[in-house]
Amino acid sequence: MKSKIKKHIFGYDIFKQDIPFSHLEEGDILLTVENDSKRNHNWSFISMNDDYIELIDQSYARLGKGLSGYLVISCFFVLYFIAIFIIWNEYGQIDLKSIICFFISFLFFIVLPSYSFLKPVYKYDYKKTICKPIIFNRKTGKVFFYINDQEYIEKKWTDVVYIMGSSFGLSGIPLRELRAHIVEDGILKHTFVIGFPMIGIFRTQGLWTFICHFMTKGPEELYPKPHPMYGTIDPFTQLTYCQKVVGAKENWRDTWKSFRIIYHYNWVPALFAYPFDVCNFVARRILLHIKPLPVWHEDVVRKNKMDLEHPEEISAKDNFEFTMFKMKDK
């Protein structure tokens, strides 16, 4: 079913603005603060302290997806030039007719596909930050959405419409995503996707439960602490992994792990997505060196006391080590 609020362009979900927003689309689930789903950090956090949590958005979760498609068809470009070389070397001759044929084939097999793939990359990635983070502050009850270094949206967190909607990955696998809709007088103004879109409803719903727990009950149970009876740390209901959003300073191992870690203990989709993720890895590395890091407006920094030290804060420096099937102690 075609979505009424967004259009999908290879690697990008573009949400519409200033349109009526009066009902859910097919398959959407309206999320409320009162829910009893099992918590799941869903690999979507940047940091957490006693005051606020900071999460990634879809631009970081999908970083490189659009450009990776162009890298795939670039392999066919190489085959094209090899074929042209062989044909000319064996059968052709350089005359006006052969030159015209070459330029026509070059237009259809190289220029047009390149334009189709690179246009959205230029439009939605060029000079855009690698991430548009979201901050939930439990002390003030506010949520902050990053627009750019000069603009942000600040709302009471319960005034935002949260929905678990549908999307799909590059491989065509259906996904569920956590959306935050800014609605004013029945008109949809902005839409933000929080964290990683995931297969199935439980991890996406678990991310929402994690956020609600922080905002309503505090972070005490969310810090990674051994169970009093079993001595174990739950890898999902406690914050055991944060994203390291450092741009070009990120090493290649962290880049690979930043998006492949979502397949922890889920080897079937990990195996199926591997060839797509190899291309995504290369594209992601390229964009990390091109796109700027997000810088919060000074008002947001002041309102959330982000410039102060938070000794209890958890970030990427505190990450546990994850393999495909287990979590290792730090």
Protein backbone atom coordinates (compact mmCIF):
# COMPACT_ATOMS: atom_id res chain seq x y z
CA MET A 1 0.00 0.00 0.00
CA LYS A 2 1.38 3.40 -0.97
CA SER A 3 2.08 5.67 1.98
CA LYS A 4 0.23 8.98 2.19
CA ILE A 5 2.83 10.67 4.37
CA LYS A 6 6.14 9.65 2.79
CA LYS A 7 7.77 8.70 -0.46
CA HIS A 8 10.53 6.16 -0.77
CA ILE A 9 13.59 6.88 -2.89
CA PHE A 10 16.30 4.21 -3.01
CA GLY A 11 17.98 4.41 0.41
CA TYR A 12 15.82 7.29 1.67
CA ASP A 13 12.39 7.77 3.25
CA ILE A 14 11.21 11.33 2.64
CA PHE A 15 8.31 12.42 4.83
CA LYS A 16 5.81 15.00 3.63
CA GLN A 17 5.09 18.20 5.54
CA ASP A 18 2.10 20.50 5.94
CA ILE A 19 -0.46 17.82 5.10
CA PRO A 20 -3.56 16.74 7.05
CA PHE A 21 -2.79 14.17 9.72
CA SER A 22 -5.97 12.67 11.03
CA HIS A 23 -5.60 8.88 11.05
CA LEU A 24 -3.11 6.04 11.02
CA GLU A 25 -2.05 4.27 7.88
CA GLU A 26 -2.58 0.55 7.46
CA GLY A 27 -0.30 -1.39 9.81
CA ASP A 28 0.64 1.64 11.95
CA ILE A 29 0.44 1.31 15.73
CA LEU A 30 -0.15 4.34 17.94
CA LEU A 31 2.22 4.21 20.91
CA THR A 32 1.34 5.43 24.38
CA VAL A 33 3.40 6.05 27.51
CA GLU A 34 1.63 3.22 29.32
CA ASN A 35 2.92 -0.05 27.86
CA ASP A 36 4.33 -3.29 29.23
CA SER A 37 6.62 -4.36 26.37
CA LYS A 38 10.10 -5.62 27.20
CA ARG A 39 12.74 -2.89 27.02
CA ASN A 40 15.30 -2.91 24.21
CA HIS A 41 17.91 -0.19 23.57
CA ASN A 42 17.86 -1.31 19.92
CA TRP A 43 21.47 -0.14 19.36
CA SER A 44 20.08 3.38 18.89
CA PHE A 45 21.57 5.39 21.77
CA ILE A 46 24.43 7.90 21.67
CA SER A 47 24.55 8.51 25.43
CA MET A 48 22.57 8.39 28.65
CA ASN A 49 22.96 10.19 31.97
CA ASP A 50 20.67 11.02 34.88
CA ASP A 51 19.21 14.04 33.05
CA TYR A 52 18.76 13.06 29.41
CA ILE A 53 19.24 10.46 26.71
CA GLU A 54 20.47 11.17 23.19
CA LEU A 55 19.55 8.91 20.29
CA ILE A 56 20.35 8.59 16.59
CA ASP A 57 17.80 9.18 13.85
CA GLN A 58 17.19 7.46 10.53
CA SER A 59 19.81 9.55 8.70
CA TYR A 60 22.53 7.83 10.74
CA ALA A 61 20.83 4.44 10.71
CA ARG A 62 20.55 4.57 6.91
CA LEU A 63 23.84 6.39 6.28
CA GLY A 64 25.31 5.16 2.99
CA LYS A 65 22.27 3.20 1.84
CA GLY A 66 21.56 5.51 -1.10
CA LEU A 67 25.17 5.71 -2.29
CA SER A 68 25.66 1.96 -1.90
CA GLY A 69 23.24 1.38 -4.79
CA TYR A 70 25.52 3.40 -7.05
CA LEU A 71 28.52 1.36 -5.94
CA VAL A 72 26.69 -1.82 -6.96
CA ILE A 73 25.93 -0.60 -10.48
CA SER A 74 29.51 0.71 -10.76
CA CYS A 75 30.54 -2.93 -11.17
CA PHE A 76 28.40 -3.06 -14.31
CA PHE A 77 30.08 0.12 -15.52
CA VAL A 78 33.41 -1.71 -15.43
CA LEU A 79 31.93 -4.59 -17.41
CA TYR A 80 30.54 -2.09 -19.90
CA PHE A 81 33.96 -0.55 -20.59
CA ILE A 82 35.56 -3.99 -20.84
CA ALA A 83 32.91 -5.03 -23.37
CA ILE A 84 33.40 -1.83 -25.39
CA PHE A 85 37.17 -2.39 -25.42
CA ILE A 86 36.81 -6.00 -26.60
CA ILE A 87 34.29 -5.13 -29.31
CA TRP A 88 36.36 -2.27 -30.69
CA ASN A 89 39.57 -4.24 -30.44
CA GLU A 90 38.17 -7.24 -32.29
CA TYR A 91 35.55 -5.90 -34.67
CA GLY A 92 35.35 -2.14 -34.63
CA GLN A 93 37.05 0.77 -36.20
CA ILE A 94 37.16 4.40 -35.12
CA ASP A 95 34.84 6.24 -37.47
CA LEU A 96 31.89 8.59 -37.09
CA LYS A 97 29.32 5.79 -36.85
CA SER A 98 31.17 3.90 -34.13
CA ILE A 99 31.75 7.11 -32.15
CA ILE A 100 28.03 7.94 -32.28
CA CYS A 101 27.13 4.41 -31.16
CA PHE A 102 29.59 4.69 -28.28
CA PHE A 103 28.16 7.99 -27.05
CA ILE A 104 24.58 6.73 -27.29
CA SER A 105 25.42 3.58 -25.34
CA PHE A 106 27.44 5.65 -22.86
CA LEU A 107 24.45 7.91 -22.31
CA PHE A 108 22.03 5.06 -21.65
CA PHE A 109 24.31 2.71 -19.69
CA ILE A 110 26.45 5.17 -17.72
CA VAL A 111 25.12 8.73 -17.62
CA LEU A 112 21.41 8.11 -17.00
CA PRO A 113 21.89 5.42 -14.29
CA SER A 114 24.53 7.60 -12.60
CA TYR A 115 22.19 10.58 -12.63
CA SER A 116 19.31 8.51 -11.23
CA PHE A 117 21.37 7.20 -8.31
CA LEU A 118 23.48 10.26 -7.55
CA LYS A 119 20.70 12.88 -7.70
CA PRO A 120 19.05 11.78 -4.41
CA VAL A 121 22.50 11.38 -2.81
CA TYR A 122 23.29 14.98 -3.69
CA LYS A 123 19.84 16.18 -2.62
CA TYR A 124 19.56 14.35 0.70
CA ASP A 125 23.18 13.74 1.76
CA TYR A 126 25.35 16.53 0.40
CA LYS A 127 26.26 19.04 3.16
CA LYS A 128 23.79 17.33 5.51
CA THR A 129 25.02 16.13 8.90
CA ILE A 130 25.69 12.42 9.39
CA CYS A 131 23.06 12.35 12.09
CA LYS A 132 20.14 14.42 13.37
CA PRO A 133 20.06 13.34 17.02
CA ILE A 134 17.09 13.44 19.38
CA ILE A 135 17.30 14.33 23.08
CA PHE A 136 14.76 13.30 25.73
CA ASN A 137 15.22 15.23 28.99
CA ARG A 138 13.38 13.65 31.92
CA LYS A 139 14.07 16.56 34.28
CA THR A 140 12.29 19.08 32.04
CA GLY A 141 9.94 16.66 30.29
CA LYS A 142 11.08 18.03 26.92
CA VAL A 143 12.23 16.40 23.70
CA PHE A 144 14.60 18.15 21.27
CA PHE A 145 14.81 17.34 17.57
CA TYR A 146 17.88 18.44 15.62
CA ILE A 147 17.28 20.28 12.32
CA ASN A 148 20.67 21.92 11.75
CA ASP A 149 23.24 23.83 13.80
CA GLN A 150 20.91 26.87 13.88
CA GLU A 151 17.50 25.21 14.14
CA TYR A 152 15.85 22.69 16.42
CA ILE A 153 12.39 21.74 17.59
CA GLU A 154 11.58 21.69 21.31
CA LYS A 155 8.35 20.08 22.49
CA LYS A 156 6.88 18.64 25.64
CA TRP A 157 7.62 14.97 25.05
CA THR A 158 4.02 13.87 25.61
CA ASP A 159 2.77 16.38 23.00
CA VAL A 160 4.45 14.44 20.20
CA VAL A 161 2.59 11.67 18.34
CA TYR A 162 4.63 8.45 18.44
CA ILE A 163 3.81 5.73 15.96
CA MET A 164 5.34 2.40 15.03
CA GLY A 165 5.22 2.53 11.25
CA SER A 166 6.40 0.38 8.37
CA SER A 167 9.41 0.63 6.10
CA PHE A 168 11.77 -1.76 4.32
CA GLY A 169 15.49 -2.25 3.83
CA LEU A 170 17.63 -2.36 0.69
CA SER A 171 17.13 -6.10 0.42
CA GLY A 172 13.35 -5.63 0.47
CA ILE A 173 12.85 -7.01 3.99
CA PRO A 174 9.91 -5.27 5.73
CA LEU A 175 10.92 -3.23 8.77
CA ARG A 176 9.23 -1.47 11.66
CA GLU A 177 10.33 2.03 12.67
CA LEU A 178 9.66 4.36 15.59
CA ARG A 179 8.30 7.67 14.28
CA ALA A 180 7.79 10.93 16.10
CA HIS A 181 5.23 13.18 14.38
CA ILE A 182 4.97 16.88 15.16
CA VAL A 183 1.30 17.71 14.59
CA GLU A 184 -0.22 21.18 14.98
CA ASP A 185 -3.95 21.76 14.54
CA GLY A 186 -4.30 18.51 12.62
CA ILE A 187 -1.47 19.38 10.21
CA LEU A 188 1.68 17.25 10.03
CA LYS A 189 4.64 19.61 10.37
CA HIS A 190 7.61 17.30 10.84
CA THR A 191 8.39 13.59 11.10
CA PHE A 192 11.46 12.07 12.73
CA VAL A 193 12.43 8.41 12.79
CA ILE A 194 14.11 7.48 16.06
CA GLY A 195 16.81 4.82 16.00
CA PHE A 196 17.19 1.79 13.74
CA PRO A 197 14.24 0.40 11.79
CA MET A 198 14.13 -3.30 12.67
CA ILE A 199 12.58 -6.58 11.57
CA GLY A 200 9.44 -7.32 13.59
CA ILE A 201 7.65 -5.19 16.14
CA PHE A 202 9.29 -6.26 19.40
CA ARG A 203 12.63 -4.44 19.21
CA THR A 204 11.09 -1.24 17.87
CA GLN A 205 8.39 -1.35 20.52
CA GLY A 206 11.10 -2.21 23.04
CA LEU A 207 12.98 0.97 22.12
CA TRP A 208 9.88 3.02 22.86
CA THR A 209 9.48 1.20 26.20
CA PHE A 210 13.13 1.98 27.01
CA ILE A 211 12.54 5.69 26.35
CA CYS A 212 9.32 5.72 28.37
CA HIS A 213 11.01 3.97 31.29
CA PHE A 214 13.74 6.60 31.34
CA MET A 215 11.28 9.49 31.17
CA THR A 216 8.81 8.18 33.76
CA LYS A 217 10.90 6.05 36.13
CA GLY A 218 14.43 7.31 35.68
CA PRO A 219 17.65 5.63 34.53
CA GLU A 220 18.49 3.55 37.62
CA GLU A 221 17.40 0.20 36.12
CA LEU A 222 18.85 1.11 32.70
CA TYR A 223 22.49 1.32 33.75
CA PRO A 224 24.28 -2.00 33.17
CA LYS A 225 24.43 -3.72 36.58
CA PRO A 226 24.65 -7.45 37.38
CA HIS A 227 21.41 -9.12 38.38
CA PRO A 228 21.37 -9.44 42.22
CA MET A 229 20.49 -13.14 42.04
CA TYR A 230 22.11 -14.40 38.81
CA GLY A 231 25.03 -11.97 38.50
CA THR A 232 24.35 -11.40 34.80
CA ILE A 233 23.77 -8.23 32.78
CA ASP A 234 20.90 -8.16 30.32
CA PRO A 235 22.35 -7.05 26.96
CA PHE A 236 19.12 -5.41 25.79
CA THR A 237 17.06 -4.13 28.72
CA GLN A 238 20.11 -2.27 30.06
CA LEU A 239 22.19 0.17 28.03
CA THR A 240 25.19 -1.96 27.03
CA TYR A 241 25.99 -0.35 23.68
CA CYS A 242 26.07 3.23 22.36
CA GLN A 243 26.82 4.57 18.90
CA LYS A 244 30.10 6.44 18.44
CA VAL A 245 29.12 9.44 16.30
CA VAL A 246 32.56 10.91 15.54
CA GLY A 247 32.51 11.21 11.73
CA ALA A 248 35.84 10.81 9.91
CA LYS A 249 37.62 9.92 13.17
CA GLU A 250 35.73 6.63 13.26
CA ASN A 251 37.91 3.63 12.44
CA TRP A 252 36.76 1.04 9.94
CA ARG A 253 36.00 -1.60 12.59
CA ASP A 254 33.64 0.77 14.39
CA THR A 255 31.98 1.68 11.09
CA TRP A 256 31.29 -1.97 10.30
CA LYS A 257 30.03 -2.64 13.80
CA SER A 258 27.87 0.51 13.94
CA PHE A 259 25.23 -0.99 11.66
CA ARG A 260 26.04 -4.72 11.58
CA ILE A 261 25.59 -5.02 15.34
CA ILE A 262 21.82 -4.91 14.89
CA TYR A 263 22.05 -8.55 13.74
CA HIS A 264 23.37 -9.72 17.11
CA TYR A 265 21.98 -13.19 17.80
CA ASN A 266 20.13 -13.05 14.48
CA TRP A 267 22.43 -14.76 11.98
CA VAL A 268 19.89 -15.47 9.21
CA PRO A 269 19.21 -11.81 8.24
CA ALA A 270 22.90 -11.09 8.93
CA LEU A 271 23.91 -13.64 6.30
CA PHE A 272 21.26 -12.49 3.83
CA ALA A 273 22.20 -8.80 4.21
CA TYR A 274 25.98 -9.34 4.04
CA PRO A 275 26.53 -8.42 0.34
CA PHE A 276 24.34 -5.33 0.72
CA ASP A 277 26.18 -4.34 3.89
CA VAL A 278 29.59 -4.61 2.22
CA CYS A 279 28.51 -1.96 -0.29
CA ASN A 280 26.89 0.04 2.51
CA PHE A 281 30.16 -0.09 4.47
CA VAL A 282 32.15 1.43 1.58
CA ALA A 283 29.50 4.11 1.02
CA ARG A 284 29.33 4.84 4.74
CA ARG A 285 33.10 5.32 4.93
CA ILE A 286 32.97 7.77 2.03
CA LEU A 287 30.16 9.82 3.58
CA LEU A 288 31.80 9.89 7.02
CA HIS A 289 34.66 11.83 5.41
CA ILE A 290 32.34 14.19 3.52
CA LYS A 291 29.40 14.96 5.78
CA PRO A 292 29.75 17.21 8.87
CA LEU A 293 29.02 16.22 12.45
CA PRO A 294 25.89 17.60 14.14
CA VAL A 295 26.43 20.55 16.48
CA TRP A 296 23.56 21.38 18.82
CA HIS A 297 22.43 24.99 19.10
CA GLU A 298 23.83 26.72 22.17
CA ASP A 299 20.31 27.05 23.61
CA VAL A 300 19.89 23.26 23.54
CA VAL A 301 23.29 22.82 25.16
CA ARG A 302 22.31 25.25 27.92
CA LYS A 303 18.81 23.83 28.50
CA ASN A 304 20.14 20.29 28.83
CA LYS A 305 23.36 21.26 30.65
CA MET A 306 25.32 19.37 28.01
CA ASP A 307 28.46 21.37 28.72
CA LEU A 308 28.61 20.10 32.30
CA GLU A 309 30.31 16.91 33.38
CA HIS A 310 28.08 13.90 34.02
CA PRO A 311 30.23 11.30 35.81
CA GLU A 312 27.49 8.69 35.57
CA GLU A 313 27.06 9.13 31.80
CA ILE A 314 27.20 6.09 29.55
CA SER A 315 28.50 6.48 26.01
CA ALA A 316 30.48 4.51 23.42
CA LYS A 317 33.52 4.42 25.71
CA ASP A 318 31.53 2.13 28.04
CA ASN A 319 30.41 -0.35 25.38
CA PHE A 320 30.44 -4.05 26.06
CA GLU A 321 32.02 -6.27 23.40
CA PHE A 322 29.46 -8.10 21.27
CA THR A 323 29.99 -11.09 19.01
CA MET A 324 27.25 -12.71 16.94
CA PHE A 325 25.96 -14.88 19.78
CA LYS A 326 27.21 -13.44 23.06
CA MET A 327 28.18 -10.34 25.01
CA LYS A 328 31.63 -10.23 26.56
CA ASP A 329 32.46 -8.45 29.80
CA LYS A 330 34.36 -5.21 29.50
